Amino acid sequence: MARYCVNILEKAVLVLANILVVVAEWNTKDYMKKDHSLVKPYQDDHWQFAGSTIVTNNHVRLTAEIRSSQGCIWNTAPLELRDWELHLHFKVHGTARDLFGDGFAIWYAKERLQLGPVFGSKDFFQGLGIFVDTYANQNGHHHHGHPYISSMVNNGSLHYDHDLDGTHTSLSGCEANVRGASHETYIAIRYERERLTVSTDLEGKNAWKLCFAVDGVRLPTGYYLGVSAATGDLSDNHDIISLKLYDIGVERKDEAGVDYSKILPSADQMAEPRERVEDPKGWSGLKIFLYIILAVVIVGAIVGFLLYMKSQETSRKRFY
């Protein structure tokens, strides 16, 4: 009996040792790249910011709860890894309960530190954009709620249509309650073997939940990481607490003659850009109807006023 117990114990130790070897092996491959990570106390020279961005001891605030603001922060070192994973610790919050916006974007792009209309960064960009949209525009042709996380790969020729919430150029997305949480909130972006995976930890469970995964995404090396945010008529605080980039250590057999810094960003399932067409059964039809009613009311008021003035003039003539 004693010998049986010893054998069981030896097997348990062996299994535990194998597990520790695997864990140790994983940790050596999946490590944080300091030059591409942003952590407290935010004194790293590898990051620059622009616009409304302010740096405090606890967070980097891209926009405060002020209307018509744009802010961004970008890494100064180009990312040369072909396979990587990015963890963003963030907080979106404000005093408004119902109306707030507009949101923020996470970038892996060729152009850096350029303010613009796409959640605080430039349109017609080259690279990858992950958009966290907290406000649904009225002209958006979609069937999902907000806040919404979506993705776009652009070779510099595509326009992000903000009025349509980027519907026609989106790869994939998911609804995500990113705003106003009392616990910590995170987004993970993983790029591995031309597969883009976005996951979230928004419920305080310390576990990743899949948002979407897309195959056939080709991104060059040598682009830059960045985060930007914007407010419009509505506003919110958009705070970055940390940004950590990991080398996931994927073993690859290099293809001879391929320069991965020269390839153009592309995705197999990216929809062809479509012209913007207003929905005649939606807001456009309603607007036309309201304009007609308003025109009738105005014309009626003018005619009524003229008839009134005419009757007053007739009364005065009779009096004299």
C-alpha atoms as a PDB file:
ATOM      1  CA  MET A   1       0.000   0.000   0.000  1.00  0.00           C
ATOM      2  CA  ALA A   2       2.822   2.366   0.930  1.00  0.00           C
ATOM      3  CA  ARG A   3       4.627   1.587  -2.328  1.00  0.00           C
ATOM      4  CA  TYR A   4       1.394   2.258  -4.271  1.00  0.00           C
ATOM      5  CA  CYS A   5       1.071   5.662  -2.628  1.00  0.00           C
ATOM      6  CA  VAL A   6       4.703   6.454  -3.441  1.00  0.00           C
ATOM      7  CA  ASN A   7       4.106   5.576  -7.102  1.00  0.00           C
ATOM      8  CA  ILE A   8       1.030   7.805  -7.218  1.00  0.00           C
ATOM      9  CA  LEU A   9       3.002  10.654  -5.616  1.00  0.00           C
ATOM     10  CA  GLU A  10       5.861  10.235  -8.096  1.00  0.00           C
ATOM     11  CA  LYS A  11       3.439  10.381 -11.031  1.00  0.00           C
ATOM     12  CA  ALA A  12       1.782  13.496  -9.611  1.00  0.00           C
ATOM     13  CA  VAL A  13       5.167  15.194  -9.229  1.00  0.00           C
ATOM     14  CA  LEU A  14       6.068  14.251 -12.796  1.00  0.00           C
ATOM     15  CA  VAL A  15       2.819  15.685 -14.156  1.00  0.00           C
ATOM     16  CA  LEU A  16       3.318  18.879 -12.133  1.00  0.00           C
ATOM     17  CA  ALA A  17       6.867  19.184 -13.423  1.00  0.00           C
ATOM     18  CA  ASN A  18       5.664  18.857 -17.016  1.00  0.00           C
ATOM     19  CA  ILE A  19       3.040  21.537 -16.411  1.00  0.00           C
ATOM     20  CA  LEU A  20       5.646  23.888 -14.960  1.00  0.00           C
ATOM     21  CA  VAL A  21       7.894  23.302 -17.966  1.00  0.00           C
ATOM     22  CA  VAL A  22       5.038  24.184 -20.335  1.00  0.00           C
ATOM     23  CA  VAL A  23       4.132  27.297 -18.344  1.00  0.00           C
ATOM     24  CA  ALA A  24       7.763  28.404 -18.177  1.00  0.00           C
ATOM     25  CA  GLU A  25       8.113  27.806 -21.911  1.00  0.00           C
ATOM     26  CA  TRP A  26       4.983  29.889 -22.615  1.00  0.00           C
ATOM     27  CA  ASN A  27       6.187  32.728 -20.411  1.00  0.00           C
ATOM     28  CA  THR A  28       9.540  32.946 -22.181  1.00  0.00           C
ATOM     29  CA  LYS A  29       7.825  33.319 -25.546  1.00  0.00           C
ATOM     30  CA  ASP A  30       4.915  35.551 -24.583  1.00  0.00           C
ATOM     31  CA  TYR A  31       6.665  38.558 -23.025  1.00  0.00           C
ATOM     32  CA  MET A  32       6.003  42.267 -22.895  1.00  0.00           C
ATOM     33  CA  LYS A  33       7.938  44.595 -25.205  1.00  0.00           C
ATOM     34  CA  LYS A  34       8.792  47.670 -23.134  1.00  0.00           C
ATOM     35  CA  ASP A  35       9.473  49.920 -26.129  1.00  0.00           C
ATOM     36  CA  HIS A  36       5.902  49.380 -27.323  1.00  0.00           C
ATOM     37  CA  SER A  37       4.141  49.412 -23.932  1.00  0.00           C
ATOM     38  CA  LEU A  38       2.761  52.289 -21.872  1.00  0.00           C
ATOM     39  CA  VAL A  39       2.513  51.907 -18.089  1.00  0.00           C
ATOM     40  CA  LYS A  40       2.600  54.126 -15.024  1.00  0.00           C
ATOM     41  CA  PRO A  41       4.234  56.539 -14.310  1.00  0.00           C
ATOM     42  CA  TYR A  42       4.072  57.320 -18.082  1.00  0.00           C
ATOM     43  CA  GLN A  43       7.621  58.644 -18.337  1.00  0.00           C
ATOM     44  CA  ASP A  44       8.621  56.625 -21.392  1.00  0.00           C
ATOM     45  CA  ASP A  45      10.223  58.572 -24.247  1.00  0.00           C
ATOM     46  CA  HIS A  46       8.740  56.122 -26.758  1.00  0.00           C
ATOM     47  CA  TRP A  47       5.322  57.835 -26.666  1.00  0.00           C
ATOM     48  CA  GLN A  48       4.103  61.201 -27.961  1.00  0.00           C
ATOM     49  CA  PHE A  49       0.699  62.813 -27.645  1.00  0.00           C
ATOM     50  CA  ALA A  50      -1.276  65.553 -29.372  1.00  0.00           C
ATOM     51  CA  GLY A  51      -4.563  67.440 -29.214  1.00  0.00           C
ATOM     52  CA  SER A  52      -6.524  67.479 -25.970  1.00  0.00           C
ATOM     53  CA  THR A  53      -4.493  64.642 -24.383  1.00  0.00           C
ATOM     54  CA  ILE A  54      -3.249  65.201 -20.834  1.00  0.00           C
ATOM     55  CA  VAL A  55      -1.053  62.873 -18.769  1.00  0.00           C
ATOM     56  CA  THR A  56      -1.743  62.423 -15.053  1.00  0.00           C
ATOM     57  CA  ASN A  57      -0.316  60.093 -12.405  1.00  0.00           C
ATOM     58  CA  ASN A  58      -3.195  57.636 -12.866  1.00  0.00           C
ATOM     59  CA  HIS A  59      -4.110  57.732 -16.549  1.00  0.00           C
ATOM     60  CA  VAL A  60      -3.628  59.294 -19.939  1.00  0.00           C
ATOM     61  CA  ARG A  61      -6.821  61.232 -20.698  1.00  0.00           C
ATOM     62  CA  LEU A  62      -7.327  61.512 -24.452  1.00  0.00           C
ATOM     63  CA  THR A  63     -10.448  63.669 -24.094  1.00  0.00           C
ATOM     64  CA  ALA A  64     -12.154  65.158 -21.111  1.00  0.00           C
ATOM     65  CA  GLU A  65     -15.930  65.482 -20.941  1.00  0.00           C
ATOM     66  CA  ILE A  66     -15.795  68.524 -23.235  1.00  0.00           C
ATOM     67  CA  ARG A  67     -17.460  68.818 -26.627  1.00  0.00           C
ATOM     68  CA  SER A  68     -15.550  68.899 -29.921  1.00  0.00           C
ATOM     69  CA  SER A  69     -12.264  67.499 -28.591  1.00  0.00           C
ATOM     70  CA  GLN A  70      -9.634  65.253 -30.213  1.00  0.00           C
ATOM     71  CA  GLY A  71      -6.698  63.614 -28.517  1.00  0.00           C
ATOM     72  CA  CYS A  72      -4.194  60.875 -29.312  1.00  0.00           C
ATOM     73  CA  ILE A  73      -1.064  59.120 -28.097  1.00  0.00           C
ATOM     74  CA  TRP A  74       1.318  57.234 -30.413  1.00  0.00           C
ATOM     75  CA  ASN A  75       4.353  55.020 -30.061  1.00  0.00           C
ATOM     76  CA  THR A  76       7.517  56.430 -31.635  1.00  0.00           C
ATOM     77  CA  ALA A  77       9.084  53.007 -32.299  1.00  0.00           C
ATOM     78  CA  PRO A  78       7.921  51.043 -35.366  1.00  0.00           C
ATOM     79  CA  LEU A  79       6.686  47.534 -34.535  1.00  0.00           C
ATOM     80  CA  GLU A  80       8.756  44.942 -36.366  1.00  0.00           C
ATOM     81  CA  LEU A  81       6.984  41.845 -34.997  1.00  0.00           C
ATOM     82  CA  ARG A  82       4.882  39.759 -37.371  1.00  0.00           C
ATOM     83  CA  ASP A  83       2.822  38.183 -34.569  1.00  0.00           C
ATOM     84  CA  TRP A  84       1.810  40.099 -31.467  1.00  0.00           C
ATOM     85  CA  GLU A  85      -0.861  40.710 -28.848  1.00  0.00           C
ATOM     86  CA  LEU A  86      -1.922  44.062 -27.422  1.00  0.00           C
ATOM     87  CA  HIS A  87      -3.716  44.520 -24.083  1.00  0.00           C
ATOM     88  CA  LEU A  88      -5.400  47.878 -23.487  1.00  0.00           C
ATOM     89  CA  HIS A  89      -6.570  48.840 -19.992  1.00  0.00           C
ATOM     90  CA  PHE A  90      -9.004  51.743 -20.392  1.00  0.00           C
ATOM     91  CA  LYS A  91     -11.934  53.596 -18.867  1.00  0.00           C
ATOM     92  CA  VAL A  92     -14.758  55.448 -20.640  1.00  0.00           C
ATOM     93  CA  HIS A  93     -16.987  57.449 -18.315  1.00  0.00           C
ATOM     94  CA  GLY A  94     -18.879  60.694 -17.816  1.00  0.00           C
ATOM     95  CA  THR A  95     -21.826  62.335 -16.094  1.00  0.00           C
ATOM     96  CA  ALA A  96     -24.346  61.694 -18.888  1.00  0.00           C
ATOM     97  CA  ARG A  97     -26.582  58.637 -18.563  1.00  0.00           C
ATOM     98  CA  ASP A  98     -28.168  58.436 -21.991  1.00  0.00           C
ATOM     99  CA  LEU A  99     -26.358  60.617 -24.547  1.00  0.00           C
ATOM    100  CA  PHE A 100     -22.567  60.423 -24.746  1.00  0.00           C
ATOM    101  CA  GLY A 101     -19.847  59.978 -27.339  1.00  0.00           C
ATOM    102  CA  ASP A 102     -18.144  59.614 -29.603  1.00  0.00           C
ATOM    103  CA  GLY A 103     -15.613  56.900 -28.691  1.00  0.00           C
ATOM    104  CA  PHE A 104     -12.007  55.890 -29.239  1.00  0.00           C
ATOM    105  CA  ALA A 105      -9.832  53.907 -31.640  1.00  0.00           C
ATOM    106  CA  ILE A 106      -6.839  51.609 -31.299  1.00  0.00           C
ATOM    107  CA  TRP A 107      -4.402  51.813 -34.203  1.00  0.00           C
ATOM    108  CA  TYR A 108      -1.666  49.877 -35.915  1.00  0.00           C
ATOM    109  CA  ALA A 109      -1.027  52.313 -38.740  1.00  0.00           C
ATOM    110  CA  LYS A 110       1.616  53.805 -40.981  1.00  0.00           C
ATOM    111  CA  GLU A 111       0.719  57.430 -40.204  1.00  0.00           C
ATOM    112  CA  ARG A 112       1.094  58.557 -36.617  1.00  0.00           C
ATOM    113  CA  LEU A 113       0.240  61.584 -34.489  1.00  0.00           C
ATOM    114  CA  GLN A 114      -2.178  63.080 -37.019  1.00  0.00           C
ATOM    115  CA  LEU A 115      -5.483  64.371 -35.661  1.00  0.00           C
ATOM    116  CA  GLY A 116      -8.548  63.802 -37.803  1.00  0.00           C
ATOM    117  CA  PRO A 117     -12.232  62.834 -38.090  1.00  0.00           C
ATOM    118  CA  VAL A 118     -11.922  59.084 -37.375  1.00  0.00           C
ATOM    119  CA  PHE A 119     -12.213  59.027 -33.585  1.00  0.00           C
ATOM    120  CA  GLY A 120      -9.523  61.681 -33.351  1.00  0.00           C
ATOM    121  CA  SER A 121      -7.192  60.363 -36.073  1.00  0.00           C
ATOM    122  CA  LYS A 122      -6.820  60.746 -39.837  1.00  0.00           C
ATOM    123  CA  ASP A 123      -9.074  59.299 -42.519  1.00  0.00           C
ATOM    124  CA  PHE A 124      -7.716  57.269 -45.468  1.00  0.00           C
ATOM    125  CA  PHE A 125      -5.133  55.692 -43.145  1.00  0.00           C
ATOM    126  CA  GLN A 126      -2.943  52.693 -43.933  1.00  0.00           C
ATOM    127  CA  GLY A 127      -3.147  49.823 -41.465  1.00  0.00           C
ATOM    128  CA  LEU A 128      -5.567  48.489 -38.868  1.00  0.00           C
ATOM    129  CA  GLY A 129      -8.130  50.399 -36.837  1.00  0.00           C
ATOM    130  CA  ILE A 130     -10.190  48.958 -33.966  1.00  0.00           C
ATOM    131  CA  PHE A 131     -13.052  51.360 -33.246  1.00  0.00           C
ATOM    132  CA  VAL A 132     -14.926  51.541 -29.938  1.00  0.00           C
ATOM    133  CA  ASP A 133     -18.000  53.537 -30.950  1.00  0.00           C
ATOM    134  CA  THR A 134     -20.181  54.668 -28.052  1.00  0.00           C
ATOM    135  CA  TYR A 135     -22.771  56.647 -30.056  1.00  0.00           C
ATOM    136  CA  ALA A 136     -25.056  55.386 -32.826  1.00  0.00           C
ATOM    137  CA  ASN A 137     -25.413  57.960 -35.588  1.00  0.00           C
ATOM    138  CA  GLN A 138     -28.946  58.285 -36.959  1.00  0.00           C
ATOM    139  CA  ASN A 139     -27.863  57.477 -40.501  1.00  0.00           C
ATOM    140  CA  GLY A 140     -26.114  54.242 -39.522  1.00  0.00           C
ATOM    141  CA  HIS A 141     -27.412  51.325 -41.624  1.00  0.00           C
ATOM    142  CA  HIS A 142     -26.904  48.509 -39.143  1.00  0.00           C
ATOM    143  CA  HIS A 143     -28.825  46.166 -36.899  1.00  0.00           C
ATOM    144  CA  HIS A 144     -26.856  46.219 -33.691  1.00  0.00           C
ATOM    145  CA  GLY A 145     -26.756  48.246 -30.513  1.00  0.00           C
ATOM    146  CA  HIS A 146     -24.107  50.601 -29.150  1.00  0.00           C
ATOM    147  CA  PRO A 147     -21.492  50.790 -27.750  1.00  0.00           C
ATOM    148  CA  TYR A 148     -20.000  48.708 -30.551  1.00  0.00           C
ATOM    149  CA  ILE A 149     -16.485  47.481 -31.318  1.00  0.00           C
ATOM    150  CA  SER A 150     -15.628  47.188 -35.018  1.00  0.00           C
ATOM    151  CA  SER A 151     -12.528  46.733 -37.150  1.00  0.00           C
ATOM    152  CA  MET A 152     -11.220  48.099 -40.430  1.00  0.00           C
ATOM    153  CA  VAL A 153      -8.160  47.347 -42.561  1.00  0.00           C
ATOM    154  CA  ASN A 154      -7.260  50.125 -44.974  1.00  0.00           C
ATOM    155  CA  ASN A 155      -4.627  50.469 -47.702  1.00  0.00           C
ATOM    156  CA  GLY A 156      -5.104  54.244 -47.769  1.00  0.00           C
ATOM    157  CA  SER A 157      -7.873  54.281 -50.390  1.00  0.00           C
ATOM    158  CA  LEU A 158     -10.955  53.770 -48.189  1.00  0.00           C
ATOM    159  CA  HIS A 159     -13.012  56.425 -46.431  1.00  0.00           C
ATOM    160  CA  TYR A 160     -14.399  55.785 -42.956  1.00  0.00           C
ATOM    161  CA  ASP A 161     -17.970  57.079 -43.107  1.00  0.00           C
ATOM    162  CA  HIS A 162     -18.651  58.360 -39.613  1.00  0.00           C
ATOM    163  CA  ASP A 163     -22.323  59.090 -40.356  1.00  0.00           C
ATOM    164  CA  LEU A 164     -22.807  55.402 -41.203  1.00  0.00           C
ATOM    165  CA  ASP A 165     -20.671  54.223 -38.254  1.00  0.00           C
ATOM    166  CA  GLY A 166     -18.218  52.650 -40.710  1.00  0.00           C
ATOM    167  CA  THR A 167     -20.720  49.945 -41.647  1.00  0.00           C
ATOM    168  CA  HIS A 168     -19.599  49.511 -45.269  1.00  0.00           C
ATOM    169  CA  THR A 169     -15.899  49.113 -44.478  1.00  0.00           C
ATOM    170  CA  SER A 170     -16.080  47.011 -41.324  1.00  0.00           C
ATOM    171  CA  LEU A 171     -14.509  43.545 -41.154  1.00  0.00           C
ATOM    172  CA  SER A 172     -16.454  42.398 -38.113  1.00  0.00           C
ATOM    173  CA  GLY A 173     -17.574  43.587 -34.692  1.00  0.00           C
ATOM    174  CA  CYS A 174     -19.583  43.021 -31.556  1.00  0.00           C
ATOM    175  CA  GLU A 175     -21.722  44.894 -29.071  1.00  0.00           C
ATOM    176  CA  ALA A 176     -19.750  45.732 -25.943  1.00  0.00           C
ATOM    177  CA  ASN A 177     -20.814  47.598 -22.822  1.00  0.00           C
ATOM    178  CA  VAL A 178     -17.539  49.479 -22.423  1.00  0.00           C
ATOM    179  CA  ARG A 179     -18.796  52.566 -20.625  1.00  0.00           C
ATOM    180  CA  GLY A 180     -19.265  53.528 -17.012  1.00  0.00           C
ATOM    181  CA  ALA A 181     -18.085  50.318 -15.346  1.00  0.00           C
ATOM    182  CA  SER A 182     -17.079  50.424 -11.674  1.00  0.00           C
ATOM    183  CA  HIS A 183     -14.503  47.660 -12.292  1.00  0.00           C
ATOM    184  CA  GLU A 184     -11.505  47.493 -14.628  1.00  0.00           C
ATOM    185  CA  THR A 185     -12.126  47.152 -18.391  1.00  0.00           C
ATOM    186  CA  TYR A 186      -9.792  45.708 -21.024  1.00  0.00           C
ATOM    187  CA  ILE A 187      -9.528  44.957 -24.734  1.00  0.00           C
ATOM    188  CA  ALA A 188      -7.090  42.438 -26.251  1.00  0.00           C
ATOM    189  CA  ILE A 189      -6.049  42.489 -29.925  1.00  0.00           C
ATOM    190  CA  ARG A 190      -4.149  39.439 -31.181  1.00  0.00           C
ATOM    191  CA  TYR A 191      -2.552  39.190 -34.617  1.00  0.00           C
ATOM    192  CA  GLU A 192      -1.193  35.738 -35.364  1.00  0.00           C
ATOM    193  CA  ARG A 193      -0.599  34.020 -38.710  1.00  0.00           C
ATOM    194  CA  GLU A 194      -2.868  36.491 -40.566  1.00  0.00           C
ATOM    195  CA  ARG A 195      -5.667  35.958 -38.058  1.00  0.00           C
ATOM    196  CA  LEU A 196      -7.053  38.983 -36.194  1.00  0.00           C
ATOM    197  CA  THR A 197      -8.782  38.256 -32.872  1.00  0.00           C
ATOM    198  CA  VAL A 198     -10.374  40.857 -30.607  1.00  0.00           C
ATOM    199  CA  SER A 199     -11.464  39.923 -27.076  1.00  0.00           C
ATOM    200  CA  THR A 200     -12.767  41.883 -24.108  1.00  0.00           C
ATOM    201  CA  ASP A 201     -12.817  41.734 -20.324  1.00  0.00           C
ATOM    202  CA  LEU A 202     -15.619  44.141 -19.451  1.00  0.00           C
ATOM    203  CA  GLU A 203     -17.488  42.321 -16.678  1.00  0.00           C
ATOM    204  CA  GLY A 204     -14.815  42.214 -14.010  1.00  0.00           C
ATOM    205  CA  LYS A 205     -14.411  38.418 -14.314  1.00  0.00           C
ATOM    206  CA  ASN A 206     -10.677  38.497 -15.108  1.00  0.00           C
ATOM    207  CA  ALA A 207     -11.312  36.397 -18.232  1.00  0.00           C
ATOM    208  CA  TRP A 208     -11.301  37.165 -21.944  1.00  0.00           C
ATOM    209  CA  LYS A 209     -14.539  37.000 -23.918  1.00  0.00           C
ATOM    210  CA  LEU A 210     -14.297  36.661 -27.699  1.00  0.00           C
ATOM    211  CA  CYS A 211     -15.624  39.657 -29.623  1.00  0.00           C
ATOM    212  CA  PHE A 212     -14.691  38.462 -33.127  1.00  0.00           C
ATOM    213  CA  ALA A 213     -12.005  36.648 -35.113  1.00  0.00           C
ATOM    214  CA  VAL A 214     -11.163  37.247 -38.780  1.00  0.00           C
ATOM    215  CA  ASP A 215      -8.820  35.214 -40.978  1.00  0.00           C
ATOM    216  CA  GLY A 216      -6.956  36.449 -44.044  1.00  0.00           C
ATOM    217  CA  VAL A 217      -5.788  39.765 -42.571  1.00  0.00           C
ATOM    218  CA  ARG A 218      -2.415  40.881 -43.922  1.00  0.00           C
ATOM    219  CA  LEU A 219      -0.533  43.615 -42.091  1.00  0.00           C
ATOM    220  CA  PRO A 220       3.001  44.794 -42.823  1.00  0.00           C
ATOM    221  CA  THR A 221       5.705  45.191 -40.223  1.00  0.00           C
ATOM    222  CA  GLY A 222       7.087  48.603 -39.298  1.00  0.00           C
ATOM    223  CA  TYR A 223       3.798  50.402 -38.528  1.00  0.00           C
ATOM    224  CA  TYR A 224       3.026  52.256 -35.290  1.00  0.00           C
ATOM    225  CA  LEU A 225       0.722  51.643 -32.330  1.00  0.00           C
ATOM    226  CA  GLY A 226      -1.582  54.426 -31.199  1.00  0.00           C
ATOM    227  CA  VAL A 227      -4.820  55.266 -29.424  1.00  0.00           C
ATOM    228  CA  SER A 228      -7.049  58.244 -30.210  1.00  0.00           C
ATOM    229  CA  ALA A 229     -10.433  59.544 -29.087  1.00  0.00           C
ATOM    230  CA  ALA A 230     -12.934  62.221 -30.032  1.00  0.00           C
ATOM    231  CA  THR A 231     -16.025  63.998 -28.793  1.00  0.00           C
ATOM    232  CA  GLY A 232     -18.567  65.931 -30.853  1.00  0.00           C
ATOM    233  CA  ASP A 233     -21.829  67.502 -29.747  1.00  0.00           C
ATOM    234  CA  LEU A 234     -21.732  64.765 -27.086  1.00  0.00           C
ATOM    235  CA  SER A 235     -18.746  64.052 -24.858  1.00  0.00           C
ATOM    236  CA  ASP A 236     -17.075  61.613 -22.469  1.00  0.00           C
ATOM    237  CA  ASN A 237     -13.840  61.031 -20.611  1.00  0.00           C
ATOM    238  CA  HIS A 238     -11.640  58.604 -22.575  1.00  0.00           C
ATOM    239  CA  ASP A 239      -8.814  57.356 -20.338  1.00  0.00           C
ATOM    240  CA  ILE A 240      -5.919  54.997 -21.096  1.00  0.00           C
ATOM    241  CA  ILE A 241      -4.522  53.333 -17.968  1.00  0.00           C
ATOM    242  CA  SER A 242      -2.026  51.006 -19.634  1.00  0.00           C
ATOM    243  CA  LEU A 243      -1.125  49.555 -23.000  1.00  0.00           C
ATOM    244  CA  LYS A 244       0.995  46.387 -23.108  1.00  0.00           C
ATOM    245  CA  LEU A 245       2.374  44.794 -26.257  1.00  0.00           C
ATOM    246  CA  TYR A 246       3.482  41.146 -26.164  1.00  0.00           C
ATOM    247  CA  ASP A 247       5.669  39.146 -28.511  1.00  0.00           C
ATOM    248  CA  ILE A 248       3.724  35.889 -28.783  1.00  0.00           C
ATOM    249  CA  GLY A 249       6.703  34.051 -30.212  1.00  0.00           C
ATOM    250  CA  VAL A 250       5.123  32.242 -33.150  1.00  0.00           C
ATOM    251  CA  GLU A 251       7.607  30.042 -34.986  1.00  0.00           C
ATOM    252  CA  ARG A 252       7.527  30.703 -38.712  1.00  0.00           C
ATOM    253  CA  LYS A 253       9.326  29.389 -41.748  1.00  0.00           C
ATOM    254  CA  ASP A 254      10.319  32.570 -43.546  1.00  0.00           C
ATOM    255  CA  GLU A 255       9.176  32.800 -47.129  1.00  0.00           C
ATOM    256  CA  ALA A 256      12.159  33.541 -49.301  1.00  0.00           C
ATOM    257  CA  GLY A 257      12.162  36.962 -50.918  1.00  0.00           C
ATOM    258  CA  VAL A 258       9.191  38.392 -48.978  1.00  0.00           C
ATOM    259  CA  ASP A 259       9.730  41.814 -47.441  1.00  0.00           C
ATOM    260  CA  TYR A 260       6.930  42.154 -44.893  1.00  0.00           C
ATOM    261  CA  SER A 261       7.545  45.865 -44.504  1.00  0.00           C
ATOM    262  CA  LYS A 262       6.476  46.410 -48.136  1.00  0.00           C
ATOM    263  CA  ILE A 263       3.144  44.554 -48.286  1.00  0.00           C
ATOM    264  CA  LEU A 264      -0.076  46.567 -48.390  1.00  0.00           C
ATOM    265  CA  PRO A 265      -2.664  46.113 -45.625  1.00  0.00           C
ATOM    266  CA  SER A 266      -5.540  43.953 -46.849  1.00  0.00           C
ATOM    267  CA  ALA A 267      -8.208  41.505 -45.709  1.00  0.00           C
ATOM    268  CA  ASP A 268      -9.944  38.713 -47.603  1.00  0.00           C
ATOM    269  CA  GLN A 269     -13.435  39.505 -46.401  1.00  0.00           C
ATOM    270  CA  MET A 270     -13.252  43.298 -46.614  1.00  0.00           C
ATOM    271  CA  ALA A 271     -16.381  44.497 -48.389  1.00  0.00           C
ATOM    272  CA  GLU A 272     -16.057  46.619 -51.508  1.00  0.00           C
ATOM    273  CA  PRO A 273     -16.783  50.282 -50.756  1.00  0.00           C
ATOM    274  CA  ARG A 274     -20.358  51.216 -51.613  1.00  0.00           C
ATOM    275  CA  GLU A 275     -21.840  54.600 -52.374  1.00  0.00           C
ATOM    276  CA  ARG A 276     -23.803  56.099 -49.576  1.00  0.00           C
ATOM    277  CA  VAL A 277     -27.530  55.789 -50.301  1.00  0.00           C
ATOM    278  CA  GLU A 278     -30.097  57.154 -47.915  1.00  0.00           C
ATOM    279  CA  ASP A 279     -32.856  54.756 -46.895  1.00  0.00           C
ATOM    280  CA  PRO A 280     -36.147  56.114 -48.333  1.00  0.00           C
ATOM    281  CA  LYS A 281     -38.069  54.230 -45.658  1.00  0.00           C
ATOM    282  CA  GLY A 282     -35.936  55.529 -42.834  1.00  0.00           C
ATOM    283  CA  TRP A 283     -34.909  58.933 -41.623  1.00  0.00           C
ATOM    284  CA  SER A 284     -34.734  60.510 -45.085  1.00  0.00           C
ATOM    285  CA  GLY A 285     -38.404  59.814 -45.823  1.00  0.00           C
ATOM    286  CA  LEU A 286     -39.376  61.113 -42.399  1.00  0.00           C
ATOM    287  CA  LYS A 287     -37.306  64.244 -42.866  1.00  0.00           C
ATOM    288  CA  ILE A 288     -38.914  64.947 -46.251  1.00  0.00           C
ATOM    289  CA  PHE A 289     -42.377  64.536 -44.725  1.00  0.00           C
ATOM    290  CA  LEU A 290     -41.510  66.891 -41.850  1.00  0.00           C
ATOM    291  CA  TYR A 291     -40.100  69.462 -44.248  1.00  0.00           C
ATOM    292  CA  ILE A 292     -43.339  69.361 -46.284  1.00  0.00           C
ATOM    293  CA  ILE A 293     -45.437  69.832 -43.145  1.00  0.00           C
ATOM    294  CA  LEU A 294     -43.203  72.720 -42.034  1.00  0.00           C
ATOM    295  CA  ALA A 295     -43.466  74.359 -45.462  1.00  0.00           C
ATOM    296  CA  VAL A 296     -47.280  74.065 -45.403  1.00  0.00           C
ATOM    297  CA  VAL A 297     -47.416  75.610 -41.926  1.00  0.00           C
ATOM    298  CA  ILE A 298     -45.164  78.509 -42.948  1.00  0.00           C
ATOM    299  CA  VAL A 299     -47.104  79.186 -46.153  1.00  0.00           C
ATOM    300  CA  GLY A 300     -50.387  78.977 -44.227  1.00  0.00           C
ATOM    301  CA  ALA A 301     -49.104  81.442 -41.645  1.00  0.00           C
ATOM    302  CA  ILE A 302     -48.004  83.904 -44.340  1.00  0.00           C
ATOM    303  CA  VAL A 303     -51.322  83.634 -46.172  1.00  0.00           C
ATOM    304  CA  GLY A 304     -53.220  84.048 -42.896  1.00  0.00           C
ATOM    305  CA  PHE A 305     -51.175  87.101 -41.985  1.00  0.00           C
ATOM    306  CA  LEU A 306     -51.779  88.703 -45.408  1.00  0.00           C
ATOM    307  CA  LEU A 307     -55.522  88.041 -45.179  1.00  0.00           C
ATOM    308  CA  TYR A 308     -55.562  89.551 -41.704  1.00  0.00           C
ATOM    309  CA  MET A 309     -53.762  92.687 -42.865  1.00  0.00           C
ATOM    310  CA  LYS A 310     -56.166  92.940 -45.823  1.00  0.00           C
ATOM    311  CA  SER A 311     -59.187  92.742 -43.534  1.00  0.00           C
ATOM    312  CA  GLN A 312     -57.718  95.387 -41.218  1.00  0.00           C
ATOM    313  CA  GLU A 313     -57.154  97.742 -44.153  1.00  0.00           C
ATOM    314  CA  THR A 314     -60.735  97.224 -45.358  1.00  0.00           C
ATOM    315  CA  SER A 315     -62.077  98.008 -41.858  1.00  0.00           C
ATOM    316  CA  ARG A 316     -60.126 101.277 -41.688  1.00  0.00           C
ATOM    317  CA  LYS A 317     -61.457 102.372 -45.086  1.00  0.00           C
ATOM    318  CA  ARG A 318     -65.038 101.717 -43.944  1.00  0.00           C
ATOM    319  CA  PHE A 319     -64.456 103.749 -40.778  1.00  0.00           C
ATOM    320  CA  TYR A 320     -63.252 106.776 -42.750  1.00  0.00           C
END
